[in-house]
Amino acid sequence: MNVENQDVLLDLEGEEEEEDDDNDDGEIVLELNQVVIPTYGTVPDQQNLHTPEWVDFDDKPDSLFFKDGRRRIDFVLVYEDESKKIAHKRSDRKKQKRKRQVYESNLINNGLQLEATRSVLDEKLIFVKVHAPWEVLCTYAEVMHIKMPLQHNDLKTQASAFSWFSRLFRVDENIIKPEQEFFTAPFQKEHLSNFYIQDKDTFFNPATRSRIVHFILSRVEYATKNNVKKFGINKLLDTGIYKAAFPLHDSSFRHLSTDPNCPSERYLLYREWAHPKNIFKQQPLDFIRKYYGEKIGIYFAWLGFYTNMLTVAAVVGVGCFLYGCLKKDNCTWSQEVCDPNIGGNIIMCPQCDEVCTYWNLTITCESSKKLCIFDSYGTLVFAVFMGIWVTFFLEFWKRRQAELEYEWDTVEYLEQEEQVRPEYEARCTHVVMNEITQILLIIASVVGIIVYRLSVFLVFSAKLSQHISGTEAIRKYLTPQMATSVTASLISFVVIMILNIVYEKVAILITDFELPRTQTDYENSLTTKMFLFQFVNYYSSCFYIAFFKGKFVGHPGSPVYWLGKYRNEECDPGGCLLELTTQLAIIVGGKAIWNNIQEVLLPLVKNLIGRYSAAARSEKVVPRWEHDYQLQPIGKLGLFYEYLEMVIQFGFVTLFVASFPLAPLLALINNMLEIRLDAWKLTTQFRRLVPQKAQDIGAWQPILQGIAILAVVTNALIIAFTSDMIPRLVYYWSFSVPPYGSHSTYTMEGYINSTLSVFNISDFKNASKPFSPWFRNQTTCRYRDLRYPPGHQHQYEHNIYYWHVIAAKLAFIIVMEHVIYFVKFIISYVIPDVSQKTKSKVKREKYLTQKLLHENDLKGVKKNMDKIIKGADSTFQPKDE
């Protein structure tokens, strides 16, 4: 099929369904009488429609070939026999059947060979097996610019100094043999003799064959209405004409194929990659790429690389956590909170209007001890380390990615191979997208979600604190602030999971409306939108706790209200850092558990139900295509959600790591399981994906870089404004000794008293005055702030300590950001994106490839010249007398 010279206009209306049944019947009859086939002309009437060859199943369950045993099955189409459908009207069934017949006829006219077999388990199902002959494969390999091998790559590679160690974790090469390396070039039929062809049946491997067939299936038409073509297997699947379309797995994952010629690659992948016993082994990336294509391969390469890099971060994070644990008993300010003679004599002001009561500072004793673990100098060191670690991760990944581009022949993929999406071909004449409208829609969605989430969070927190404050039995460990934090985090997590569904629909709708030109453009556009939505969804509550909660609360005599109604929340006397840690732990842990349930358990349950129901109907021998049909489809977006899950996790590991140094450890454990679970899911629970090319991880790369830059800012702000590290340092070096302090040496003694301001209860406004009576005949209470006491000429205004702290915080942010950004710049400059070794390999291979093609062309020319010369000699040779 010539996809470039189509003689019928393709436009937006080509995807719309018929509106009137009577008109449709007439249209379809017309379509059957004159089916437009660009390569072979028109079919004059229905009798000339080509149909698949019908055969019975030959009781060979592992066969991957047509009944003749020679033609390989490259793709399988599944439909329900229209004559046996009950739910649809007769006219609808006739229309569906006619469209399918036209489509299959056009497939045959485009050179594909079809063989139909009725289902063994369900007589309503028909399986249409598709085979692409050699000529079709060659034609479309040239159209798609697929690189094929020219000759063996004889360039020697030097082994790494640590290869002896890494060999301990590699897959046994006797089981999965290393892939042979070749010089490659885009396939051209006229240069067929230049390519390394030992056997025509194996020159195009199964993954490449399936990719070529899917390319054809996506572009063959099945109807024409008002001179507008309707085409492609995706639309036929959406409308229910076909129930499934997929390439075949080559064997069962449980055992080797009974066919001795079958390599049983699926079984080997399960045994040496997906099985839990391989959790500490390296992944067979070349073998994964061979079976599933470069797109799957690059995902697992990135995930494995990210997981390996997390090992270093996890070790340092655990070290900082242990440092905090060792130092918590020497935490002076926590000791003051727990001391009955200090904290026991400090009565705190109510934290909400009217219903809240006065409370004793000692009830925060346990939370202050926990806070000492995370709010330590080790956290500062870890935050700086992570800012540098993320730079090393991204720079070294670029180098690794460049190596894979060379090894997997995707260096020039985007320029040469990627084809226009069929949806773009159909609609591009009429769609104009206003970029301003698109951007405003995203901004409006982001702002709307922020307002919604914060208002709901504040309402929930205000209501809940009223009930928990009276719980005496667990008062020591579960403070009102902690109870509010934990329960609000749980509610926030549930809301996040629900809103994910909404965000997905909105993002896909916007991207479909934009109509990107290629699949890469589509996925990059969708990636950007989904991440913006998910960024707000997952991180808004963390940003609120870290940078807004407790920052704009006023003082007890003049509190600040949200939306004029809800009083802003206050933090514990030790700050909001522990609450941020709790929020992160719940969301990161809950997200990992939920994703595993959603991604693994649900497909497993569905497959088990389908398997048992099928087994109950029949004990017959079932062919490979029917086994695969019972598996779950992977979904249109493929690996998109896998990437999204990991990038969201990457955000939690980097953006808020100053509050939770154990985040890299949790991410490491999750990812070690994630790799094997994703592998298990692909090899056992899902149909085989259509292999796709990919040069890199796409739009996720700039998103990761953006997160890395933002992480420096967020961690600097967390240390400066969320933790109490800066106020403690200012107190130690300036306010513990004269002229501001009374101690003779630098000390942390008296820190708690200096950070709690005094408030006269007679200054309460009527709307804020608590219902509960005052006790101990005291006239003042304390609150967390740095303000002058009542009776001072500047009472309730910020004092000198406050301004010293603000200046120190701003100075710290500027210094920390500039130091880390400078180090990041140096690292990025020193470590090139492509190693010199890889550059040399690419140049060398390009030179040798061009030389090889040139020499082969010269040989061909010389051979032709020799024939011409011999012919001339025989022509002019004198005859014997």
Foldseek 3Di string as FASTA:
>chain_A
DPLPDDPFAFADCLLDDDDDLVVLVVQLQVCQCFPQAPPPGTRRHNVPQDDAAEDEDPLQFLQQADPVSPFGFLKKFKAFALVPDDPDDPSVSVSLVSLVSQQVSSVVVLQKHWYWYAFPQDRRMIMITIGHDLVLLLVLLLVQQPKFFQAFDPDDDDDDPCVVVLVVQAFPCVLVPDDTFGQIGRHDPVVVVRHDPPDSVPRQPSLSSNLSVQVVQQRGFRGADPSHTHGHPVSCCVVRSIVDMFGFQNGALVDARPPPVGSNLLVSLCVQFQDPVSLRHDHPLVSCCRQFNAVVSQVLVLLVLVLVLLVVLLVLLVVLLVVLVVCLVVPQVLVQLQDCVRQVPAWFCFFFFALGDIDTSNLCSVVSSVLSSQLDVSLVVSLLVLLLSLLVSLLVVLAVLLVCCLRVVVPCNVVRRFAWRVSCSNHVVPADDDVVVVVVVLVVLLVVLLVVLVVVLLVQLVVQLSPVCPDDPCSSPCPSQNVSLQVSLVVLLVVLVVCLVVQLVVLLVSLVSVRDTTPLRSLLSSLVSSLSNSCSSLCSVLCCLQPPQQPQQADQLDGDADVVPGTGGHARLQFSLVSSQSSLVCNLVVLLVVCCCVQFVVLVVQLVVLVVVSVVSDPRSGHSVVNQVSAAACDPSRCSVVLSSVLVLVLSCQQSCSSPSNSSVSVSVSSSNVSSRVSCCQSHHHHRHSHDHDSHPRNVSVVSVVSSLNSLLNSLSSSQPGGCPLLQVCCQPPQCDPPNHDDPHRDSPPVSVQQKAKEFLVSRDPRRRYPDDDDPPDGIHTDGHAAHDPPDPRGSHHDPSVVVSVVSSVVSSVVSSVVSVVSSVVVPVVRDSHDPVSVVVVVVSVVVVVVSSVVVVVVVVVVVVVVVVVVVCVVPPDDDD
